[in-house]
């Protein structure tokens, strides 16, 4: 499993094509979020943790999810509306 470097941003992820998201982990801390995503692309599994994401970046990610898979979108939006505890989303929950 690859872990991308600091230069790989959330915008890079949402602009990728032909990926399959395997899991999403969410954590909130006051006005910022930590988002970790594991995805499958071209036969490889990748992982990246995006720390200190503001609401604008989370909106960008949610816009991507809305196009990618409405079920993932609903789960993330419901969590963002009232974040309390860390959340792990995987295909078994869909």
PDB file of N, CA and C in Angstrom:
ATOM      1  N   UNK A   1       0.852  -1.169   0.000  1.00  0.00           N
ATOM      2  CA  UNK A   1       0.000   0.000   0.000  1.00  0.00           C
ATOM      3  C   UNK A   1       0.896   1.230   0.000  1.00  0.00           C
ATOM      4  N   UNK A   2       0.663   2.109  -0.932  1.00  0.00           N
ATOM      5  CA  UNK A   2       1.412   3.363  -1.017  1.00  0.00           C
ATOM      6  C   UNK A   2       0.827   4.387  -0.055  1.00  0.00           C
ATOM      7  N   UNK A   3       1.688   5.210   0.481  1.00  0.00           N
ATOM      8  CA  UNK A   3       1.225   6.395   1.194  1.00  0.00           C
ATOM      9  C   UNK A   3       1.848   7.581   0.477  1.00  0.00           C
ATOM     10  N   UNK A   4       1.021   8.486   0.009  1.00  0.00           N
ATOM     11  CA  UNK A   4       1.495   9.609  -0.780  1.00  0.00           C
ATOM     12  C   UNK A   4       2.178  10.640   0.110  1.00  0.00           C
ATOM     13  N   UNK A   5       3.035  11.444  -0.496  1.00  0.00           N
ATOM     14  CA  UNK A   5       3.767  12.459   0.254  1.00  0.00           C
ATOM     15  C   UNK A   5       2.897  13.684   0.530  1.00  0.00           C
ATOM     16  N   UNK A   6       3.484  14.650   1.193  1.00  0.00           N
ATOM     17  CA  UNK A   6       2.781  15.863   1.616  1.00  0.00           C
ATOM     18  C   UNK A   6       2.261  16.692   0.432  1.00  0.00           C
ATOM     19  N   UNK A   7       2.875  16.555  -0.730  1.00  0.00           N
ATOM     20  CA  UNK A   7       2.477  17.351  -1.887  1.00  0.00           C
ATOM     21  C   UNK A   7       1.179  16.873  -2.518  1.00  0.00           C
ATOM     22  N   UNK A   8       0.760  15.662  -2.201  1.00  0.00           N
ATOM     23  CA  UNK A   8      -0.482  15.113  -2.737  1.00  0.00           C
ATOM     24  C   UNK A   8      -1.630  15.636  -1.880  1.00  0.00           C
ATOM     25  N   UNK A   9      -2.480  16.466  -2.485  1.00  0.00           N
ATOM     26  CA  UNK A   9      -3.544  17.126  -1.730  1.00  0.00           C
ATOM     27  C   UNK A   9      -4.888  16.448  -1.963  1.00  0.00           C
ATOM     28  N   UNK A  10      -5.867  16.877  -1.201  1.00  0.00           N
ATOM     29  CA  UNK A  10      -7.225  16.382  -1.374  1.00  0.00           C
ATOM     30  C   UNK A  10      -7.738  16.716  -2.768  1.00  0.00           C
ATOM     31  N   UNK A  11      -7.360  17.867  -3.298  1.00  0.00           N
ATOM     32  CA  UNK A  11      -7.751  18.235  -4.666  1.00  0.00           C
ATOM     33  C   UNK A  11      -7.181  17.256  -5.688  1.00  0.00           C
ATOM     34  N   UNK A  12      -5.956  16.771  -5.461  1.00  0.00           N
ATOM     35  CA  UNK A  12      -5.392  15.760  -6.357  1.00  0.00           C
ATOM     36  C   UNK A  12      -6.260  14.507  -6.348  1.00  0.00           C
ATOM     37  N   UNK A  13      -6.681  14.096  -5.174  1.00  0.00           N
ATOM     38  CA  UNK A  13      -7.502  12.887  -5.074  1.00  0.00           C
ATOM     39  C   UNK A  13      -8.832  13.046  -5.803  1.00  0.00           C
ATOM     40  N   UNK A  14      -9.524  14.139  -5.567  1.00  0.00           N
ATOM     41  CA  UNK A  14     -10.859  14.299  -6.165  1.00  0.00           C
ATOM     42  C   UNK A  14     -10.797  14.489  -7.683  1.00  0.00           C
ATOM     43  N   UNK A  15      -9.628  14.823  -8.198  1.00  0.00           N
ATOM     44  CA  UNK A  15      -9.486  14.971  -9.651  1.00  0.00           C
ATOM     45  C   UNK A  15      -9.023  13.694 -10.344  1.00  0.00           C
ATOM     46  N   UNK A  16      -8.786  12.650  -9.573  1.00  0.00           N
ATOM     47  CA  UNK A  16      -8.398  11.368 -10.169  1.00  0.00           C
ATOM     48  C   UNK A  16      -9.611  10.717 -10.815  1.00  0.00           C
ATOM     49  N   UNK A  17      -9.343   9.896 -11.820  1.00  0.00           N
ATOM     50  CA  UNK A  17     -10.403   9.146 -12.486  1.00  0.00           C
ATOM     51  C   UNK A  17     -10.153   7.656 -12.285  1.00  0.00           C
ATOM     52  N   UNK A  18     -11.209   6.892 -12.398  1.00  0.00           N
ATOM     53  CA  UNK A  18     -11.111   5.430 -12.322  1.00  0.00           C
ATOM     54  C   UNK A  18     -10.488   4.936 -11.026  1.00  0.00           C
ATOM     55  N   UNK A  19     -10.964   5.487  -9.912  1.00  0.00           N
ATOM     56  CA  UNK A  19     -10.536   4.982  -8.614  1.00  0.00           C
ATOM     57  C   UNK A  19     -11.735   4.330  -7.935  1.00  0.00           C
ATOM     58  N   UNK A  20     -11.443   3.436  -7.004  1.00  0.00           N
ATOM     59  CA  UNK A  20     -12.479   2.806  -6.199  1.00  0.00           C
ATOM     60  C   UNK A  20     -12.135   3.047  -4.734  1.00  0.00           C
ATOM     61  N   UNK A  21     -12.948   3.799  -4.045  1.00  0.00           N
ATOM     62  CA  UNK A  21     -12.699   4.090  -2.641  1.00  0.00           C
ATOM     63  C   UNK A  21     -13.004   2.846  -1.815  1.00  0.00           C
ATOM     64  N   UNK A  22     -12.059   2.494  -0.951  1.00  0.00           N
ATOM     65  CA  UNK A  22     -12.202   1.315  -0.095  1.00  0.00           C
ATOM     66  C   UNK A  22     -12.637   1.686   1.311  1.00  0.00           C
ATOM     67  N   UNK A  23     -12.126   2.793   1.843  1.00  0.00           N
ATOM     68  CA  UNK A  23     -12.550   3.235   3.178  1.00  0.00           C
ATOM     69  C   UNK A  23     -12.271   4.721   3.336  1.00  0.00           C
ATOM     70  N   UNK A  24     -13.053   5.324   4.226  1.00  0.00           N
ATOM     71  CA  UNK A  24     -12.904   6.733   4.578  1.00  0.00           C
ATOM     72  C   UNK A  24     -12.920   6.805   6.104  1.00  0.00           C
ATOM     73  N   UNK A  25     -11.971   7.527   6.666  1.00  0.00           N
ATOM     74  CA  UNK A  25     -11.917   7.757   8.106  1.00  0.00           C
ATOM     75  C   UNK A  25     -12.040   9.256   8.334  1.00  0.00           C
ATOM     76  N   UNK A  26     -12.877   9.649   9.279  1.00  0.00           N
ATOM     77  CA  UNK A  26     -13.121  11.066   9.542  1.00  0.00           C
ATOM     78  C   UNK A  26     -12.920  11.379  11.021  1.00  0.00           C
ATOM     79  N   UNK A  27     -12.335  12.525  11.282  1.00  0.00           N
ATOM     80  CA  UNK A  27     -12.104  12.999  12.637  1.00  0.00           C
ATOM     81  C   UNK A  27     -12.218  14.515  12.621  1.00  0.00           C
ATOM     82  N   UNK A  28     -12.893  15.085  13.619  1.00  0.00           N
ATOM     83  CA  UNK A  28     -12.997  16.545  13.680  1.00  0.00           C
ATOM     84  C   UNK A  28     -12.271  17.068  14.909  1.00  0.00           C
ATOM     85  N   UNK A  29     -11.757  18.283  14.761  1.00  0.00           N
ATOM     86  CA  UNK A  29     -11.090  18.963  15.865  1.00  0.00           C
ATOM     87  C   UNK A  29     -11.391  20.444  15.722  1.00  0.00           C
ATOM     88  N   UNK A  30     -12.355  20.922  16.485  1.00  0.00           N
ATOM     89  CA  UNK A  30     -12.815  22.309  16.407  1.00  0.00           C
ATOM     90  C   UNK A  30     -13.275  22.622  14.990  1.00  0.00           C
ATOM     91  N   UNK A  31     -12.541  23.477  14.269  1.00  0.00           N
ATOM     92  CA  UNK A  31     -12.963  23.905  12.934  1.00  0.00           C
ATOM     93  C   UNK A  31     -12.237  23.187  11.807  1.00  0.00           C
ATOM     94  N   UNK A  32     -11.473  22.160  12.116  1.00  0.00           N
ATOM     95  CA  UNK A  32     -10.753  21.431  11.072  1.00  0.00           C
ATOM     96  C   UNK A  32     -11.103  19.949  11.126  1.00  0.00           C
ATOM     97  N   UNK A  33     -10.800  19.282  10.040  1.00  0.00           N
ATOM     98  CA  UNK A  33     -11.091  17.862   9.921  1.00  0.00           C
ATOM     99  C   UNK A  33      -9.838  17.114   9.484  1.00  0.00           C
ATOM    100  N   UNK A  34      -9.755  15.875   9.899  1.00  0.00           N
ATOM    101  CA  UNK A  34      -8.754  14.954   9.374  1.00  0.00           C
ATOM    102  C   UNK A  34      -9.519  13.896   8.613  1.00  0.00           C
ATOM    103  N   UNK A  35      -9.078  13.664   7.408  1.00  0.00           N
ATOM    104  CA  UNK A  35      -9.730  12.740   6.499  1.00  0.00           C
ATOM    105  C   UNK A  35      -8.669  11.771   6.001  1.00  0.00           C
ATOM    106  N   UNK A  36      -8.917  10.486   6.156  1.00  0.00           N
ATOM    107  CA  UNK A  36      -8.009   9.473   5.622  1.00  0.00           C
ATOM    108  C   UNK A  36      -8.799   8.631   4.623  1.00  0.00           C
ATOM    109  N   UNK A  37      -8.205   8.418   3.465  1.00  0.00           N
ATOM    110  CA  UNK A  37      -8.888   7.685   2.403  1.00  0.00           C
ATOM    111  C   UNK A  37      -7.973   6.562   1.912  1.00  0.00           C
ATOM    112  N   UNK A  38      -8.573   5.404   1.739  1.00  0.00           N
ATOM    113  CA  UNK A  38      -7.888   4.264   1.126  1.00  0.00           C
ATOM    114  C   UNK A  38      -8.623   3.967  -0.172  1.00  0.00           C
ATOM    115  N   UNK A  39      -7.874   3.890  -1.289  1.00  0.00           N
ATOM    116  CA  UNK A  39      -8.529   3.666  -2.573  1.00  0.00           C
ATOM    117  C   UNK A  39      -7.708   2.717  -3.442  1.00  0.00           C
ATOM    118  N   UNK A  40      -8.386   2.140  -4.396  1.00  0.00           N
ATOM    119  CA  UNK A  40      -7.821   1.205  -5.355  1.00  0.00           C
ATOM    120  C   UNK A  40      -7.714   1.921  -6.694  1.00  0.00           C
ATOM    121  N   UNK A  41      -6.536   1.816  -7.320  1.00  0.00           N
ATOM    122  CA  UNK A  41      -6.324   2.480  -8.608  1.00  0.00           C
ATOM    123  C   UNK A  41      -5.284   1.702  -9.410  1.00  0.00           C
ATOM    124  N   UNK A  42      -5.643   1.315 -10.615  1.00  0.00           N
ATOM    125  CA  UNK A  42      -4.718   0.633 -11.538  1.00  0.00           C
ATOM    126  C   UNK A  42      -4.032  -0.573 -10.899  1.00  0.00           C
ATOM    127  N   UNK A  43      -4.785  -1.362 -10.162  1.00  0.00           N
ATOM    128  CA  UNK A  43      -4.227  -2.572  -9.564  1.00  0.00           C
ATOM    129  C   UNK A  43      -3.490  -2.367  -8.255  1.00  0.00           C
ATOM    130  N   UNK A  44      -3.388  -1.148  -7.777  1.00  0.00           N
ATOM    131  CA  UNK A  44      -2.683  -0.848  -6.533  1.00  0.00           C
ATOM    132  C   UNK A  44      -3.633  -0.232  -5.521  1.00  0.00           C
ATOM    133  N   UNK A  45      -3.346  -0.495  -4.238  1.00  0.00           N
ATOM    134  CA  UNK A  45      -4.128   0.126  -3.163  1.00  0.00           C
ATOM    135  C   UNK A  45      -3.298   1.274  -2.602  1.00  0.00           C
ATOM    136  N   UNK A  46      -3.949   2.406  -2.369  1.00  0.00           N
ATOM    137  CA  UNK A  46      -3.269   3.610  -1.892  1.00  0.00           C
ATOM    138  C   UNK A  46      -3.953   4.120  -0.629  1.00  0.00           C
ATOM    139  N   UNK A  47      -3.196   4.875   0.154  1.00  0.00           N
ATOM    140  CA  UNK A  47      -3.715   5.469   1.384  1.00  0.00           C
ATOM    141  C   UNK A  47      -3.124   6.860   1.543  1.00  0.00           C
ATOM    142  N   UNK A  48      -3.957   7.784   1.987  1.00  0.00           N
ATOM    143  CA  UNK A  48      -3.468   9.136   2.279  1.00  0.00           C
ATOM    144  C   UNK A  48      -4.307   9.742   3.390  1.00  0.00           C
ATOM    145  N   UNK A  49      -3.626  10.349   4.347  1.00  0.00           N
ATOM    146  CA  UNK A  49      -4.293  11.086   5.415  1.00  0.00           C
ATOM    147  C   UNK A  49      -4.151  12.579   5.112  1.00  0.00           C
ATOM    148  N   UNK A  50      -5.281  13.258   5.112  1.00  0.00           N
ATOM    149  CA  UNK A  50      -5.320  14.692   4.843  1.00  0.00           C
ATOM    150  C   UNK A  50      -5.664  15.394   6.161  1.00  0.00           C
ATOM    151  N   UNK A  51      -4.684  16.025   6.767  1.00  0.00           N
ATOM    152  CA  UNK A  51      -4.869  16.669   8.071  1.00  0.00           C
ATOM    153  C   UNK A  51      -5.222  18.139   7.892  1.00  0.00           C
ATOM    154  N   UNK A  52      -5.857  18.686   8.930  1.00  0.00           N
ATOM    155  CA  UNK A  52      -6.174  20.120   8.997  1.00  0.00           C
ATOM    156  C   UNK A  52      -6.938  20.631   7.782  1.00  0.00           C
ATOM    157  N   UNK A  53      -7.961  19.903   7.403  1.00  0.00           N
ATOM    158  CA  UNK A  53      -8.794  20.308   6.272  1.00  0.00           C
ATOM    159  C   UNK A  53      -9.915  21.220   6.770  1.00  0.00           C
ATOM    160  N   UNK A  54     -10.068  22.333   6.111  1.00  0.00           N
ATOM    161  CA  UNK A  54     -11.148  23.253   6.458  1.00  0.00           C
ATOM    162  C   UNK A  54     -12.459  22.812   5.825  1.00  0.00           C
ATOM    163  N   UNK A  55     -13.515  23.515   6.146  1.00  0.00           N
ATOM    164  CA  UNK A  55     -14.839  23.156   5.647  1.00  0.00           C
ATOM    165  C   UNK A  55     -14.896  23.258   4.123  1.00  0.00           C
ATOM    166  N   UNK A  56     -14.152  24.195   3.527  1.00  0.00           N
ATOM    167  CA  UNK A  56     -14.151  24.324   2.071  1.00  0.00           C
ATOM    168  C   UNK A  56     -13.606  23.044   1.416  1.00  0.00           C
ATOM    169  N   UNK A  57     -12.503  22.519   1.952  1.00  0.00           N
ATOM    170  CA  UNK A  57     -11.936  21.284   1.398  1.00  0.00           C
ATOM    171  C   UNK A  57     -12.874  20.099   1.619  1.00  0.00           C
ATOM    172  N   UNK A  58     -13.556  20.087   2.745  1.00  0.00           N
ATOM    173  CA  UNK A  58     -14.516  19.007   2.983  1.00  0.00           C
ATOM    174  C   UNK A  58     -15.682  19.118   2.008  1.00  0.00           C
ATOM    175  N   UNK A  59     -16.095  20.342   1.698  1.00  0.00           N
ATOM    176  CA  UNK A  59     -17.159  20.521   0.712  1.00  0.00           C
ATOM    177  C   UNK A  59     -16.712  20.013  -0.657  1.00  0.00           C
ATOM    178  N   UNK A  60     -15.469  20.308  -1.026  1.00  0.00           N
ATOM    179  CA  UNK A  60     -14.919  19.815  -2.289  1.00  0.00           C
ATOM    180  C   UNK A  60     -14.943  18.292  -2.326  1.00  0.00           C
ATOM    181  N   UNK A  61     -14.546  17.663  -1.225  1.00  0.00           N
ATOM    182  CA  UNK A  61     -14.555  16.201  -1.145  1.00  0.00           C
ATOM    183  C   UNK A  61     -15.990  15.671  -1.238  1.00  0.00           C
ATOM    184  N   UNK A  62     -16.909  16.325  -0.571  1.00  0.00           N
ATOM    185  CA  UNK A  62     -18.316  15.892  -0.618  1.00  0.00           C
ATOM    186  C   UNK A  62     -18.904  16.060  -2.018  1.00  0.00           C
ATOM    187  N   UNK A  63     -18.547  17.123  -2.707  1.00  0.00           N
ATOM    188  CA  UNK A  63     -18.989  17.300  -4.097  1.00  0.00           C
ATOM    189  C   UNK A  63     -18.495  16.147  -4.964  1.00  0.00           C
ATOM    190  N   UNK A  64     -17.254  15.746  -4.741  1.00  0.00           N
ATOM    191  CA  UNK A  64     -16.698  14.588  -5.453  1.00  0.00           C
ATOM    192  C   UNK A  64     -17.494  13.326  -5.123  1.00  0.00           C
ATOM    193  N   UNK A  65     -17.780  13.116  -3.827  1.00  0.00           N
ATOM    194  CA  UNK A  65     -18.525  11.923  -3.425  1.00  0.00           C
ATOM    195  C   UNK A  65     -19.928  11.894  -4.015  1.00  0.00           C
ATOM    196  N   UNK A  66     -20.541  13.047  -4.139  1.00  0.00           N
ATOM    197  CA  UNK A  66     -21.887  13.116  -4.713  1.00  0.00           C
ATOM    198  C   UNK A  66     -21.886  12.560  -6.137  1.00  0.00           C
ATOM    199  N   UNK A  67     -20.853  12.856  -6.889  1.00  0.00           N
ATOM    200  CA  UNK A  67     -20.734  12.332  -8.251  1.00  0.00           C
ATOM    201  C   UNK A  67     -20.257  10.884  -8.257  1.00  0.00           C
ATOM    202  N   UNK A  68     -19.403  10.552  -7.297  1.00  0.00           N
ATOM    203  CA  UNK A  68     -18.786   9.219  -7.244  1.00  0.00           C
ATOM    204  C   UNK A  68     -19.777   8.157  -6.779  1.00  0.00           C
ATOM    205  N   UNK A  69     -20.402   8.398  -5.622  1.00  0.00           N
ATOM    206  CA  UNK A  69     -21.322   7.415  -5.050  1.00  0.00           C
ATOM    207  C   UNK A  69     -22.197   8.132  -4.007  1.00  0.00           C
ATOM    208  N   UNK A  70     -23.485   8.187  -4.280  1.00  0.00           N
ATOM    209  CA  UNK A  70     -24.396   8.925  -3.407  1.00  0.00           C
ATOM    210  C   UNK A  70     -24.442   8.346  -1.992  1.00  0.00           C
ATOM    211  N   UNK A  71     -24.243   7.042  -1.838  1.00  0.00           N
ATOM    212  CA  UNK A  71     -24.250   6.432  -0.498  1.00  0.00           C
ATOM    213  C   UNK A  71     -23.094   6.953   0.356  1.00  0.00           C
ATOM    214  N   UNK A  72     -21.888   7.000  -0.231  1.00  0.00           N
ATOM    215  CA  UNK A  72     -20.743   7.557   0.491  1.00  0.00           C
ATOM    216  C   UNK A  72     -21.034   9.008   0.864  1.00  0.00           C
ATOM    217  N   UNK A  73     -21.580   9.757  -0.072  1.00  0.00           N
ATOM    218  CA  UNK A  73     -21.901  11.164   0.148  1.00  0.00           C
ATOM    219  C   UNK A  73     -22.845  11.328   1.348  1.00  0.00           C
ATOM    220  N   UNK A  74     -23.923  10.566   1.372  1.00  0.00           N
ATOM    221  CA  UNK A  74     -24.897  10.671   2.467  1.00  0.00           C
ATOM    222  C   UNK A  74     -24.250  10.393   3.818  1.00  0.00           C
ATOM    223  N   UNK A  75     -23.416   9.354   3.889  1.00  0.00           N
ATOM    224  CA  UNK A  75     -22.765   9.009   5.156  1.00  0.00           C
ATOM    225  C   UNK A  75     -21.842  10.126   5.639  1.00  0.00           C
ATOM    226  N   UNK A  76     -21.064  10.690   4.733  1.00  0.00           N
ATOM    227  CA  UNK A  76     -20.124  11.750   5.125  1.00  0.00           C
ATOM    228  C   UNK A  76     -20.876  13.019   5.501  1.00  0.00           C
ATOM    229  N   UNK A  77     -21.860  13.410   4.723  1.00  0.00           N
ATOM    230  CA  UNK A  77     -22.635  14.622   5.018  1.00  0.00           C
ATOM    231  C   UNK A  77     -23.333  14.505   6.375  1.00  0.00           C
ATOM    232  N   UNK A  78     -23.931  13.376   6.651  1.00  0.00           N
ATOM    233  CA  UNK A  78     -24.595  13.176   7.948  1.00  0.00           C
ATOM    234  C   UNK A  78     -23.604  13.304   9.093  1.00  0.00           C
ATOM    235  N   UNK A  79     -22.394  12.815   8.909  1.00  0.00           N
ATOM    236  CA  UNK A  79     -21.386  12.916   9.957  1.00  0.00           C
ATOM    237  C   UNK A  79     -20.923  14.369  10.108  1.00  0.00           C
ATOM    238  N   UNK A  80     -20.703  15.076   9.003  1.00  0.00           N
ATOM    239  CA  UNK A  80     -20.221  16.464   9.065  1.00  0.00           C
ATOM    240  C   UNK A  80     -21.234  17.371   9.761  1.00  0.00           C
ATOM    241  N   UNK A  81     -22.514  17.097   9.579  1.00  0.00           N
ATOM    242  CA  UNK A  81     -23.548  17.933  10.196  1.00  0.00           C
ATOM    243  C   UNK A  81     -23.434  17.965  11.711  1.00  0.00           C
ATOM    244  N   UNK A  82     -22.996  16.884  12.303  1.00  0.00           N
ATOM    245  CA  UNK A  82     -22.819  16.848  13.762  1.00  0.00           C
ATOM    246  C   UNK A  82     -21.697  15.876  14.138  1.00  0.00           C
ATOM    247  N   UNK A  83     -20.452  16.269  13.808  1.00  0.00           N
ATOM    248  CA  UNK A  83     -19.325  15.388  14.122  1.00  0.00           C
ATOM    249  C   UNK A  83     -19.139  15.268  15.626  1.00  0.00           C
ATOM    250  N   UNK A  84     -18.944  14.078  16.081  1.00  0.00           N
ATOM    251  CA  UNK A  84     -18.721  13.892  17.505  1.00  0.00           C
ATOM    252  C   UNK A  84     -17.578  12.919  17.758  1.00  0.00           C
ATOM    253  N   UNK A  85     -17.656  11.795  17.135  1.00  0.00           N
ATOM    254  CA  UNK A  85     -16.618  10.800  17.346  1.00  0.00           C
ATOM    255  C   UNK A  85     -15.995  10.446  15.999  1.00  0.00           C
ATOM    256  N   UNK A  86     -14.788   9.895  16.021  1.00  0.00           N
ATOM    257  CA  UNK A  86     -14.193   9.460  14.755  1.00  0.00           C
ATOM    258  C   UNK A  86     -15.122   8.478  14.050  1.00  0.00           C
ATOM    259  N   UNK A  87     -15.084   8.502  12.749  1.00  0.00           N
ATOM    260  CA  UNK A  87     -15.960   7.641  11.959  1.00  0.00           C
ATOM    261  C   UNK A  87     -15.142   6.930  10.908  1.00  0.00           C
ATOM    262  N   UNK A  88     -15.385   5.636  10.784  1.00  0.00           N
ATOM    263  CA  UNK A  88     -14.755   4.841   9.729  1.00  0.00           C
ATOM    264  C   UNK A  88     -15.853   4.322   8.829  1.00  0.00           C
ATOM    265  N   UNK A  89     -15.733   4.604   7.540  1.00  0.00           N
ATOM    266  CA  UNK A  89     -16.703   4.135   6.562  1.00  0.00           C
ATOM    267  C   UNK A  89     -16.009   3.120   5.651  1.00  0.00           C
ATOM    268  N   UNK A  90     -16.666   2.007   5.440  1.00  0.00           N
ATOM    269  CA  UNK A  90     -16.153   1.028   4.499  1.00  0.00           C
ATOM    270  C   UNK A  90     -17.315   0.402   3.747  1.00  0.00           C
ATOM    271  N   UNK A  91     -17.037  -0.353   2.682  1.00  0.00           N
ATOM    272  CA  UNK A  91     -18.110  -0.882   1.843  1.00  0.00           C
ATOM    273  C   UNK A  91     -19.116  -1.758   2.604  1.00  0.00           C
ATOM    274  N   UNK A  92     -18.722  -2.348   3.699  1.00  0.00           N
ATOM    275  CA  UNK A  92     -19.648  -3.187   4.461  1.00  0.00           C
ATOM    276  C   UNK A  92     -20.767  -2.390   5.081  1.00  0.00           C
ATOM    277  N   UNK A  93     -20.583  -1.071   5.214  1.00  0.00           N
ATOM    278  CA  UNK A  93     -21.614  -0.220   5.797  1.00  0.00           C
ATOM    279  C   UNK A  93     -22.578   0.308   4.740  1.00  0.00           C
ATOM    280  N   UNK A  94     -22.244   0.168   3.492  1.00  0.00           N
ATOM    281  CA  UNK A  94     -23.073   0.729   2.425  1.00  0.00           C
ATOM    282  C   UNK A  94     -24.223  -0.191   2.080  1.00  0.00           C
TER     283      UNK A  94
END
